[in-house]
């Protein structure tokens, strides 16, 4: 199993197979260029064993999409003991790149001085949150490391797929709208719960439209960090004819305060699905943000398949 810094020791190494010849040969897998900037996953929220496990799984998925990827985790509220802070993770990436250059020149190799970012920072956020993003920008400044910050992960069709899966896992939506069977607890109205205020609600609405098309039920976004927002949107859905509502968290997980989701769902009288967590789409989108920032032609999922 992979660790945050690479494969665990003692495991067998898979050797590459010879490339097939002929017109039907498989395309060569894309790998991270040698010396490429590190991917730094910026994890918001209070660090915990749960958020660390989630982040490690996301990194593992990203590495499976782009072999050779140098990826590390930086916690926005890290303590630099058990949980490395984003500032120290970035400083480490910059120092590591400088050390590699110095070692190469000391060995007599002709290498160009490091250029461009030492790290590409990808926020572990499904939607925009100006407060958290500003803190990430400040951490980059404080680290004094040459780093590039990507956008958040959404909106994206793959996130609509992930929301559908989480709802179906909770028995709140059919797993496949094409199959002729019913789910007794399936919701006929969805509150898409996000954090980040009005900006986040507007951005979530785009993914909400994709989710509504998948489920054929109305979907409206609400802000968990705005008091009464979820209950207000639930009331609007009921006024428009929905009877059985559900809350779909448009959240990876660490960015929301503990208990906030359950409290909002209870106030609105709704059942709730689980946050997106380490759903495979999250790791793929993290990798996509990284490769786009560096101009690497890696395969990127363009949309979601119908469940």
C-alpha atoms as a PDB file:
ATOM      1  CA  UNK A   1       0.000   0.000   0.000  1.00  0.00           C
ATOM      2  CA  UNK A   2       1.229   3.500  -0.728  1.00  0.00           C
ATOM      3  CA  UNK A   3       2.374   5.916   1.938  1.00  0.00           C
ATOM      4  CA  UNK A   4       2.089   9.736   1.698  1.00  0.00           C
ATOM      5  CA  UNK A   5       5.606   9.843   0.235  1.00  0.00           C
ATOM      6  CA  UNK A   6       5.659   6.747  -1.975  1.00  0.00           C
ATOM      7  CA  UNK A   7       5.295   2.955  -2.096  1.00  0.00           C
ATOM      8  CA  UNK A   8       5.717   1.065   1.140  1.00  0.00           C
ATOM      9  CA  UNK A   9       9.037  -0.735   1.480  1.00  0.00           C
ATOM     10  CA  UNK A  10       9.196  -4.459   0.945  1.00  0.00           C
ATOM     11  CA  UNK A  11       6.498  -4.570  -1.709  1.00  0.00           C
ATOM     12  CA  UNK A  12       7.203  -6.061  -5.139  1.00  0.00           C
ATOM     13  CA  UNK A  13       7.928  -3.610  -7.933  1.00  0.00           C
ATOM     14  CA  UNK A  14       5.784  -3.954 -11.052  1.00  0.00           C
ATOM     15  CA  UNK A  15       7.995  -3.926 -14.143  1.00  0.00           C
ATOM     16  CA  UNK A  16       6.678  -2.238 -17.303  1.00  0.00           C
ATOM     17  CA  UNK A  17       5.500  -4.550 -20.062  1.00  0.00           C
ATOM     18  CA  UNK A  18       7.014  -4.225 -23.558  1.00  0.00           C
ATOM     19  CA  UNK A  19       5.034  -1.885 -25.790  1.00  0.00           C
ATOM     20  CA  UNK A  20       2.762  -3.620 -28.260  1.00  0.00           C
ATOM     21  CA  UNK A  21       3.417  -3.054 -31.930  1.00  0.00           C
ATOM     22  CA  UNK A  22       0.903  -2.492 -34.687  1.00  0.00           C
ATOM     23  CA  UNK A  23      -2.022  -0.201 -35.294  1.00  0.00           C
ATOM     24  CA  UNK A  24      -3.982  -1.487 -32.275  1.00  0.00           C
ATOM     25  CA  UNK A  25      -1.247  -0.980 -29.726  1.00  0.00           C
ATOM     26  CA  UNK A  26      -2.179   0.715 -26.483  1.00  0.00           C
ATOM     27  CA  UNK A  27      -1.001   4.309 -26.000  1.00  0.00           C
ATOM     28  CA  UNK A  28       2.041   4.780 -23.831  1.00  0.00           C
ATOM     29  CA  UNK A  29       1.031   5.701 -20.265  1.00  0.00           C
ATOM     30  CA  UNK A  30       1.766   9.300 -19.306  1.00  0.00           C
ATOM     31  CA  UNK A  31       4.246   9.674 -16.471  1.00  0.00           C
ATOM     32  CA  UNK A  32       5.323  12.715 -14.501  1.00  0.00           C
ATOM     33  CA  UNK A  33       8.331  14.431 -16.116  1.00  0.00           C
ATOM     34  CA  UNK A  34      11.615  14.093 -14.270  1.00  0.00           C
ATOM     35  CA  UNK A  35      12.134  17.054 -11.976  1.00  0.00           C
ATOM     36  CA  UNK A  36       8.530  18.235 -12.274  1.00  0.00           C
ATOM     37  CA  UNK A  37       7.083  20.397  -9.546  1.00  0.00           C
ATOM     38  CA  UNK A  38       5.652  18.541  -6.582  1.00  0.00           C
ATOM     39  CA  UNK A  39       1.909  18.303  -6.111  1.00  0.00           C
ATOM     40  CA  UNK A  40       1.013  19.701  -2.691  1.00  0.00           C
ATOM     41  CA  UNK A  41      -2.484  18.821  -1.534  1.00  0.00           C
ATOM     42  CA  UNK A  42      -3.746  21.639   0.702  1.00  0.00           C
ATOM     43  CA  UNK A  43      -6.044  20.101   3.310  1.00  0.00           C
ATOM     44  CA  UNK A  44      -8.322  22.525   5.194  1.00  0.00           C
ATOM     45  CA  UNK A  45      -9.955  22.010   8.568  1.00  0.00           C
ATOM     46  CA  UNK A  46      -8.709  20.662  11.876  1.00  0.00           C
ATOM     47  CA  UNK A  47      -6.216  17.850  11.157  1.00  0.00           C
ATOM     48  CA  UNK A  48      -7.229  14.392  12.324  1.00  0.00           C
ATOM     49  CA  UNK A  49      -6.501  10.766  11.581  1.00  0.00           C
ATOM     50  CA  UNK A  50      -9.633  10.716   9.438  1.00  0.00           C
ATOM     51  CA  UNK A  51      -8.591  13.699   7.314  1.00  0.00           C
ATOM     52  CA  UNK A  52      -5.096  12.264   6.972  1.00  0.00           C
ATOM     53  CA  UNK A  53      -6.463   8.926   5.780  1.00  0.00           C
ATOM     54  CA  UNK A  54      -8.716  10.701   3.291  1.00  0.00           C
ATOM     55  CA  UNK A  55      -5.867  12.860   1.969  1.00  0.00           C
ATOM     56  CA  UNK A  56      -3.548   9.862   1.628  1.00  0.00           C
ATOM     57  CA  UNK A  57      -6.193   7.992  -0.361  1.00  0.00           C
ATOM     58  CA  UNK A  58      -6.696  10.993  -2.671  1.00  0.00           C
ATOM     59  CA  UNK A  59      -2.931  11.166  -3.233  1.00  0.00           C
ATOM     60  CA  UNK A  60      -2.855   7.423  -3.936  1.00  0.00           C
ATOM     61  CA  UNK A  61      -5.540   7.829  -6.609  1.00  0.00           C
ATOM     62  CA  UNK A  62      -3.656  10.754  -8.161  1.00  0.00           C
ATOM     63  CA  UNK A  63      -0.439   8.700  -8.268  1.00  0.00           C
ATOM     64  CA  UNK A  64      -2.258   5.854  -9.994  1.00  0.00           C
ATOM     65  CA  UNK A  65      -3.370   8.338 -12.675  1.00  0.00           C
ATOM     66  CA  UNK A  66       0.127   9.794 -13.122  1.00  0.00           C
ATOM     67  CA  UNK A  67       2.961   7.384 -12.266  1.00  0.00           C
ATOM     68  CA  UNK A  68       6.070   9.046 -10.914  1.00  0.00           C
ATOM     69  CA  UNK A  69       4.099  11.868  -9.337  1.00  0.00           C
ATOM     70  CA  UNK A  70       5.850  13.531  -6.400  1.00  0.00           C
ATOM     71  CA  UNK A  71       2.984  14.399  -4.070  1.00  0.00           C
ATOM     72  CA  UNK A  72       2.893  15.586  -0.467  1.00  0.00           C
ATOM     73  CA  UNK A  73       0.200  16.719   1.959  1.00  0.00           C
ATOM     74  CA  UNK A  74       0.124  20.080   3.696  1.00  0.00           C
ATOM     75  CA  UNK A  75      -2.472  20.876   6.367  1.00  0.00           C
ATOM     76  CA  UNK A  76      -3.731  24.437   6.523  1.00  0.00           C
ATOM     77  CA  UNK A  77      -3.924  24.098  10.313  1.00  0.00           C
ATOM     78  CA  UNK A  78      -1.052  21.649  10.695  1.00  0.00           C
ATOM     79  CA  UNK A  79       1.060  21.522  13.839  1.00  0.00           C
ATOM     80  CA  UNK A  80       4.359  20.570  12.099  1.00  0.00           C
ATOM     81  CA  UNK A  81       4.578  17.568  14.410  1.00  0.00           C
ATOM     82  CA  UNK A  82       2.071  14.891  13.495  1.00  0.00           C
ATOM     83  CA  UNK A  83       0.515  16.969  10.723  1.00  0.00           C
ATOM     84  CA  UNK A  84       2.873  18.982   8.457  1.00  0.00           C
ATOM     85  CA  UNK A  85       1.637  22.514   7.883  1.00  0.00           C
ATOM     86  CA  UNK A  86       1.155  23.775   4.342  1.00  0.00           C
ATOM     87  CA  UNK A  87       3.918  26.349   4.924  1.00  0.00           C
ATOM     88  CA  UNK A  88       6.482  23.708   5.941  1.00  0.00           C
ATOM     89  CA  UNK A  89       5.422  21.318   3.157  1.00  0.00           C
ATOM     90  CA  UNK A  90       6.027  24.029   0.558  1.00  0.00           C
ATOM     91  CA  UNK A  91       9.342  25.075   2.086  1.00  0.00           C
ATOM     92  CA  UNK A  92      10.430  21.430   2.056  1.00  0.00           C
ATOM     93  CA  UNK A  93       9.560  21.064  -1.649  1.00  0.00           C
ATOM     94  CA  UNK A  94      11.599  24.153  -2.527  1.00  0.00           C
ATOM     95  CA  UNK A  95      14.564  23.023  -0.417  1.00  0.00           C
ATOM     96  CA  UNK A  96      14.420  19.534  -1.916  1.00  0.00           C
ATOM     97  CA  UNK A  97      14.548  20.929  -5.457  1.00  0.00           C
ATOM     98  CA  UNK A  98      17.525  23.130  -4.603  1.00  0.00           C
ATOM     99  CA  UNK A  99      19.315  20.182  -3.001  1.00  0.00           C
ATOM    100  CA  UNK A 100      18.826  18.041  -6.118  1.00  0.00           C
ATOM    101  CA  UNK A 101      20.320  20.791  -8.288  1.00  0.00           C
ATOM    102  CA  UNK A 102      23.309  21.230  -5.994  1.00  0.00           C
ATOM    103  CA  UNK A 103      23.947  17.496  -5.865  1.00  0.00           C
ATOM    104  CA  UNK A 104      23.825  17.274  -9.660  1.00  0.00           C
ATOM    105  CA  UNK A 105      26.283  20.130 -10.151  1.00  0.00           C
ATOM    106  CA  UNK A 106      28.584  18.732  -7.463  1.00  0.00           C
ATOM    107  CA  UNK A 107      28.619  15.440  -9.371  1.00  0.00           C
ATOM    108  CA  UNK A 108      29.746  17.270 -12.486  1.00  0.00           C
ATOM    109  CA  UNK A 109      26.469  17.012 -14.401  1.00  0.00           C
ATOM    110  CA  UNK A 110      25.444  19.852 -16.651  1.00  0.00           C
ATOM    111  CA  UNK A 111      21.999  20.792 -15.441  1.00  0.00           C
ATOM    112  CA  UNK A 112      20.019  23.972 -15.816  1.00  0.00           C
ATOM    113  CA  UNK A 113      19.159  25.947 -12.680  1.00  0.00           C
ATOM    114  CA  UNK A 114      15.647  25.266 -11.364  1.00  0.00           C
ATOM    115  CA  UNK A 115      12.945  27.326 -13.062  1.00  0.00           C
ATOM    116  CA  UNK A 116       9.226  27.625 -12.611  1.00  0.00           C
ATOM    117  CA  UNK A 117       7.265  26.494  -9.549  1.00  0.00           C
ATOM    118  CA  UNK A 118       8.737  24.043  -7.088  1.00  0.00           C
ATOM    119  CA  UNK A 119       5.198  23.008  -6.174  1.00  0.00           C
ATOM    120  CA  UNK A 120       1.665  23.114  -7.512  1.00  0.00           C
ATOM    121  CA  UNK A 121      -0.820  23.587  -4.681  1.00  0.00           C
ATOM    122  CA  UNK A 122      -4.234  21.973  -5.174  1.00  0.00           C
ATOM    123  CA  UNK A 123      -6.891  22.887  -2.586  1.00  0.00           C
ATOM    124  CA  UNK A 124      -8.890  19.900  -1.353  1.00  0.00           C
ATOM    125  CA  UNK A 125     -12.134  21.809  -1.900  1.00  0.00           C
ATOM    126  CA  UNK A 126     -15.105  20.889  -4.067  1.00  0.00           C
ATOM    127  CA  UNK A 127     -16.201  24.513  -4.375  1.00  0.00           C
ATOM    128  CA  UNK A 128     -14.872  28.018  -3.755  1.00  0.00           C
ATOM    129  CA  UNK A 129     -14.360  29.297  -0.245  1.00  0.00           C
ATOM    130  CA  UNK A 130     -12.722  32.729  -0.353  1.00  0.00           C
ATOM    131  CA  UNK A 131     -11.633  32.607   3.297  1.00  0.00           C
ATOM    132  CA  UNK A 132      -9.871  29.255   2.957  1.00  0.00           C
ATOM    133  CA  UNK A 133      -8.359  30.095  -0.423  1.00  0.00           C
ATOM    134  CA  UNK A 134      -6.961  33.347   0.949  1.00  0.00           C
ATOM    135  CA  UNK A 135      -5.369  31.425   3.811  1.00  0.00           C
ATOM    136  CA  UNK A 136      -3.788  29.044   1.313  1.00  0.00           C
ATOM    137  CA  UNK A 137      -2.415  32.012  -0.655  1.00  0.00           C
ATOM    138  CA  UNK A 138      -0.982  33.448   2.556  1.00  0.00           C
ATOM    139  CA  UNK A 139       0.672  30.119   3.380  1.00  0.00           C
ATOM    140  CA  UNK A 140       2.338  30.121  -0.046  1.00  0.00           C
ATOM    141  CA  UNK A 141       3.620  33.648   0.612  1.00  0.00           C
ATOM    142  CA  UNK A 142       4.853  32.727   4.095  1.00  0.00           C
ATOM    143  CA  UNK A 143       6.717  29.686   2.787  1.00  0.00           C
ATOM    144  CA  UNK A 144       8.696  31.854   0.315  1.00  0.00           C
ATOM    145  CA  UNK A 145       8.549  28.879  -2.046  1.00  0.00           C
ATOM    146  CA  UNK A 146       7.921  29.347  -5.770  1.00  0.00           C
ATOM    147  CA  UNK A 147       4.514  27.706  -6.003  1.00  0.00           C
ATOM    148  CA  UNK A 148       1.432  27.891  -8.184  1.00  0.00           C
ATOM    149  CA  UNK A 149      -2.084  27.658  -6.777  1.00  0.00           C
ATOM    150  CA  UNK A 150      -4.771  25.925  -8.829  1.00  0.00           C
ATOM    151  CA  UNK A 151      -8.509  26.467  -8.732  1.00  0.00           C
ATOM    152  CA  UNK A 152     -10.805  24.326  -6.592  1.00  0.00           C
ATOM    153  CA  UNK A 153     -12.055  20.994  -7.943  1.00  0.00           C
ATOM    154  CA  UNK A 154     -15.564  21.986  -9.035  1.00  0.00           C
ATOM    155  CA  UNK A 155     -17.852  22.441 -10.709  1.00  0.00           C
ATOM    156  CA  UNK A 156     -17.369  19.286 -12.779  1.00  0.00           C
ATOM    157  CA  UNK A 157     -19.570  16.442 -14.102  1.00  0.00           C
ATOM    158  CA  UNK A 158     -17.524  13.941 -12.101  1.00  0.00           C
ATOM    159  CA  UNK A 159     -18.632  15.641  -8.898  1.00  0.00           C
ATOM    160  CA  UNK A 160     -22.275  15.240  -9.948  1.00  0.00           C
ATOM    161  CA  UNK A 161     -21.518  11.539 -10.402  1.00  0.00           C
ATOM    162  CA  UNK A 162     -19.930  11.376  -6.960  1.00  0.00           C
ATOM    163  CA  UNK A 163     -22.941  13.087  -5.362  1.00  0.00           C
ATOM    164  CA  UNK A 164     -25.255  10.599  -7.085  1.00  0.00           C
ATOM    165  CA  UNK A 165     -23.211   7.691  -5.750  1.00  0.00           C
ATOM    166  CA  UNK A 166     -23.223   9.016  -2.191  1.00  0.00           C
ATOM    167  CA  UNK A 167     -26.999   9.530  -2.318  1.00  0.00           C
ATOM    168  CA  UNK A 168     -27.543   6.024  -3.663  1.00  0.00           C
ATOM    169  CA  UNK A 169     -25.266   4.556  -0.972  1.00  0.00           C
ATOM    170  CA  UNK A 170     -27.498   6.199   1.635  1.00  0.00           C
ATOM    171  CA  UNK A 171     -30.632   4.821  -0.051  1.00  0.00           C
ATOM    172  CA  UNK A 172     -31.721   8.322  -1.048  1.00  0.00           C
ATOM    173  CA  UNK A 173     -31.525   7.870  -4.823  1.00  0.00           C
ATOM    174  CA  UNK A 174     -31.675   5.073  -7.356  1.00  0.00           C
ATOM    175  CA  UNK A 175     -28.268   3.803  -8.344  1.00  0.00           C
ATOM    176  CA  UNK A 176     -29.358   3.574 -11.978  1.00  0.00           C
ATOM    177  CA  UNK A 177     -32.170   5.716 -13.302  1.00  0.00           C
ATOM    178  CA  UNK A 178     -32.492   3.423 -16.333  1.00  0.00           C
ATOM    179  CA  UNK A 179     -33.518   0.391 -14.276  1.00  0.00           C
ATOM    180  CA  UNK A 180     -37.172  -0.031 -13.505  1.00  0.00           C
ATOM    181  CA  UNK A 181     -37.119  -0.384  -9.746  1.00  0.00           C
ATOM    182  CA  UNK A 182     -37.896   1.943  -6.879  1.00  0.00           C
ATOM    183  CA  UNK A 183     -36.117   2.925  -3.703  1.00  0.00           C
ATOM    184  CA  UNK A 184     -38.562   3.431  -0.851  1.00  0.00           C
ATOM    185  CA  UNK A 185     -36.472   6.211   0.689  1.00  0.00           C
ATOM    186  CA  UNK A 186     -35.521   7.945  -2.586  1.00  0.00           C
ATOM    187  CA  UNK A 187     -35.727  11.725  -2.247  1.00  0.00           C
ATOM    188  CA  UNK A 188     -37.849  13.850  -4.558  1.00  0.00           C
ATOM    189  CA  UNK A 189     -35.915  17.021  -3.708  1.00  0.00           C
ATOM    190  CA  UNK A 190     -32.221  17.567  -2.963  1.00  0.00           C
ATOM    191  CA  UNK A 191     -30.555  20.282  -0.888  1.00  0.00           C
ATOM    192  CA  UNK A 192     -26.976  20.607  -2.147  1.00  0.00           C
ATOM    193  CA  UNK A 193     -25.077  21.718   0.960  1.00  0.00           C
ATOM    194  CA  UNK A 194     -21.782  23.555   0.609  1.00  0.00           C
ATOM    195  CA  UNK A 195     -19.574  25.955   2.572  1.00  0.00           C
ATOM    196  CA  UNK A 196     -18.158  29.293   1.487  1.00  0.00           C
ATOM    197  CA  UNK A 197     -21.199  31.547   1.534  1.00  0.00           C
ATOM    198  CA  UNK A 198     -23.072  32.896  -1.473  1.00  0.00           C
ATOM    199  CA  UNK A 199     -20.153  32.458  -3.897  1.00  0.00           C
ATOM    200  CA  UNK A 200     -20.020  28.763  -3.076  1.00  0.00           C
ATOM    201  CA  UNK A 201     -23.813  28.423  -3.419  1.00  0.00           C
ATOM    202  CA  UNK A 202     -23.730  29.916  -6.927  1.00  0.00           C
ATOM    203  CA  UNK A 203     -20.865  27.645  -8.003  1.00  0.00           C
ATOM    204  CA  UNK A 204     -22.572  24.585  -6.479  1.00  0.00           C
ATOM    205  CA  UNK A 205     -25.657  25.401  -8.528  1.00  0.00           C
ATOM    206  CA  UNK A 206     -23.817  24.396 -11.705  1.00  0.00           C
ATOM    207  CA  UNK A 207     -23.065  20.921 -10.376  1.00  0.00           C
ATOM    208  CA  UNK A 208     -26.596  20.902  -8.947  1.00  0.00           C
ATOM    209  CA  UNK A 209     -28.049  21.225 -12.448  1.00  0.00           C
ATOM    210  CA  UNK A 210     -26.005  18.221 -13.565  1.00  0.00           C
ATOM    211  CA  UNK A 211     -27.193  16.239 -10.541  1.00  0.00           C
ATOM    212  CA  UNK A 212     -30.818  17.225 -11.194  1.00  0.00           C
ATOM    213  CA  UNK A 213     -30.483  15.921 -14.747  1.00  0.00           C
ATOM    214  CA  UNK A 214     -29.161  12.596 -13.430  1.00  0.00           C
ATOM    215  CA  UNK A 215     -31.864  12.169 -10.778  1.00  0.00           C
ATOM    216  CA  UNK A 216     -34.785  13.897 -12.524  1.00  0.00           C
ATOM    217  CA  UNK A 217     -35.638  15.709  -9.270  1.00  0.00           C
ATOM    218  CA  UNK A 218     -35.169  19.375  -8.259  1.00  0.00           C
ATOM    219  CA  UNK A 219     -31.829  20.294  -6.702  1.00  0.00           C
ATOM    220  CA  UNK A 220     -31.140  23.590  -4.903  1.00  0.00           C
ATOM    221  CA  UNK A 221     -27.896  24.704  -3.246  1.00  0.00           C
ATOM    222  CA  UNK A 222     -27.569  26.056   0.298  1.00  0.00           C
ATOM    223  CA  UNK A 223     -24.694  27.258   2.490  1.00  0.00           C
ATOM    224  CA  UNK A 224     -23.995  25.257   5.626  1.00  0.00           C
ATOM    225  CA  UNK A 225     -22.036  28.171   7.071  1.00  0.00           C
ATOM    226  CA  UNK A 226     -24.975  30.568   6.712  1.00  0.00           C
ATOM    227  CA  UNK A 227     -27.413  30.048   9.575  1.00  0.00           C
ATOM    228  CA  UNK A 228     -30.817  28.811   8.420  1.00  0.00           C
ATOM    229  CA  UNK A 229     -29.810  28.478   4.759  1.00  0.00           C
ATOM    230  CA  UNK A 230     -30.367  24.718   4.524  1.00  0.00           C
ATOM    231  CA  UNK A 231     -33.728  24.918   6.303  1.00  0.00           C
ATOM    232  CA  UNK A 232     -34.801  27.814   4.063  1.00  0.00           C
ATOM    233  CA  UNK A 233     -33.971  25.935   0.860  1.00  0.00           C
ATOM    234  CA  UNK A 234     -35.700  22.817   2.195  1.00  0.00           C
ATOM    235  CA  UNK A 235     -38.826  24.893   2.789  1.00  0.00           C
ATOM    236  CA  UNK A 236     -38.687  26.222  -0.778  1.00  0.00           C
ATOM    237  CA  UNK A 237     -38.464  22.682  -2.155  1.00  0.00           C
ATOM    238  CA  UNK A 238     -41.437  21.604  -0.054  1.00  0.00           C
ATOM    239  CA  UNK A 239     -43.429  24.616  -1.225  1.00  0.00           C
ATOM    240  CA  UNK A 240     -42.730  23.599  -4.809  1.00  0.00           C
ATOM    241  CA  UNK A 241     -44.137  20.098  -4.233  1.00  0.00           C
ATOM    242  CA  UNK A 242     -41.243  17.982  -2.929  1.00  0.00           C
ATOM    243  CA  UNK A 243     -42.195  15.759   0.000  1.00  0.00           C
ATOM    244  CA  UNK A 244     -39.175  13.628   0.846  1.00  0.00           C
ATOM    245  CA  UNK A 245     -35.996  15.683   0.936  1.00  0.00           C
ATOM    246  CA  UNK A 246     -32.337  14.785   1.286  1.00  0.00           C
ATOM    247  CA  UNK A 247     -29.159  16.745   1.894  1.00  0.00           C
ATOM    248  CA  UNK A 248     -26.288  16.004  -0.497  1.00  0.00           C
ATOM    249  CA  UNK A 249     -23.030  17.414   0.922  1.00  0.00           C
ATOM    250  CA  UNK A 250     -21.093  19.185  -1.833  1.00  0.00           C
ATOM    251  CA  UNK A 251     -18.020  18.772   0.349  1.00  0.00           C
ATOM    252  CA  UNK A 252     -14.918  16.621   0.391  1.00  0.00           C
ATOM    253  CA  UNK A 253     -15.179  16.485   4.184  1.00  0.00           C
ATOM    254  CA  UNK A 254     -12.339  18.161   6.116  1.00  0.00           C
ATOM    255  CA  UNK A 255     -13.485  21.683   5.217  1.00  0.00           C
ATOM    256  CA  UNK A 256     -16.727  21.496   7.225  1.00  0.00           C
ATOM    257  CA  UNK A 257     -16.835  21.838  11.023  1.00  0.00           C
ATOM    258  CA  UNK A 258     -17.722  18.641  12.866  1.00  0.00           C
ATOM    259  CA  UNK A 259     -21.423  18.305  13.545  1.00  0.00           C
ATOM    260  CA  UNK A 260     -22.455  21.198  11.260  1.00  0.00           C
ATOM    261  CA  UNK A 261     -23.855  18.953   8.524  1.00  0.00           C
ATOM    262  CA  UNK A 262     -25.863  16.769  10.919  1.00  0.00           C
ATOM    263  CA  UNK A 263     -27.235  19.795  12.723  1.00  0.00           C
ATOM    264  CA  UNK A 264     -28.344  21.515   9.513  1.00  0.00           C
ATOM    265  CA  UNK A 265     -29.989  18.349   8.181  1.00  0.00           C
ATOM    266  CA  UNK A 266     -31.818  17.849  11.468  1.00  0.00           C
ATOM    267  CA  UNK A 267     -33.070  21.448  11.495  1.00  0.00           C
ATOM    268  CA  UNK A 268     -34.371  21.022   7.946  1.00  0.00           C
ATOM    269  CA  UNK A 269     -35.940  17.641   8.688  1.00  0.00           C
ATOM    270  CA  UNK A 270     -33.884  15.911   5.979  1.00  0.00           C
ATOM    271  CA  UNK A 271     -31.896  12.735   5.723  1.00  0.00           C
ATOM    272  CA  UNK A 272     -28.288  13.302   4.645  1.00  0.00           C
ATOM    273  CA  UNK A 273     -25.770  11.444   2.511  1.00  0.00           C
ATOM    274  CA  UNK A 274     -22.065  11.249   3.319  1.00  0.00           C
ATOM    275  CA  UNK A 275     -19.569  13.855   2.042  1.00  0.00           C
ATOM    276  CA  UNK A 276     -17.694  13.067  -1.164  1.00  0.00           C
ATOM    277  CA  UNK A 277     -14.609  11.874   0.718  1.00  0.00           C
ATOM    278  CA  UNK A 278     -12.028   9.895  -1.229  1.00  0.00           C
ATOM    279  CA  UNK A 279     -14.361   9.051  -4.100  1.00  0.00           C
ATOM    280  CA  UNK A 280     -12.117   8.250  -7.123  1.00  0.00           C
ATOM    281  CA  UNK A 281     -13.259  11.383  -8.972  1.00  0.00           C
ATOM    282  CA  UNK A 282     -11.645  13.548  -6.282  1.00  0.00           C
ATOM    283  CA  UNK A 283      -8.195  12.063  -6.887  1.00  0.00           C
ATOM    284  CA  UNK A 284      -8.660  12.297 -10.653  1.00  0.00           C
ATOM    285  CA  UNK A 285      -9.633  15.951 -10.449  1.00  0.00           C
ATOM    286  CA  UNK A 286      -6.672  16.717  -8.167  1.00  0.00           C
ATOM    287  CA  UNK A 287      -4.383  15.150 -10.756  1.00  0.00           C
ATOM    288  CA  UNK A 288      -6.155  17.077 -13.534  1.00  0.00           C
ATOM    289  CA  UNK A 289      -5.612  20.392 -11.754  1.00  0.00           C
ATOM    290  CA  UNK A 290      -1.924  19.565 -11.345  1.00  0.00           C
ATOM    291  CA  UNK A 291      -1.307  18.498 -14.930  1.00  0.00           C
ATOM    292  CA  UNK A 292      -3.221  21.473 -16.314  1.00  0.00           C
ATOM    293  CA  UNK A 293      -1.092  23.854 -14.242  1.00  0.00           C
ATOM    294  CA  UNK A 294       2.098  22.318 -15.642  1.00  0.00           C
ATOM    295  CA  UNK A 295       0.829  21.786 -19.186  1.00  0.00           C
ATOM    296  CA  UNK A 296       1.309  18.008 -18.951  1.00  0.00           C
ATOM    297  CA  UNK A 297      -0.817  16.121 -21.495  1.00  0.00           C
ATOM    298  CA  UNK A 298      -2.257  13.600 -19.056  1.00  0.00           C
ATOM    299  CA  UNK A 299      -5.539  11.768 -19.700  1.00  0.00           C
ATOM    300  CA  UNK A 300      -8.380  13.658 -18.043  1.00  0.00           C
ATOM    301  CA  UNK A 301     -11.901  12.386 -17.497  1.00  0.00           C
ATOM    302  CA  UNK A 302     -14.196  14.624 -19.491  1.00  0.00           C
ATOM    303  CA  UNK A 303     -17.449  13.689 -17.832  1.00  0.00           C
ATOM    304  CA  UNK A 304     -19.343  11.162 -15.808  1.00  0.00           C
ATOM    305  CA  UNK A 305     -20.881   7.933 -16.921  1.00  0.00           C
ATOM    306  CA  UNK A 306     -24.520   7.259 -16.095  1.00  0.00           C
ATOM    307  CA  UNK A 307     -24.792   5.063 -13.035  1.00  0.00           C
END
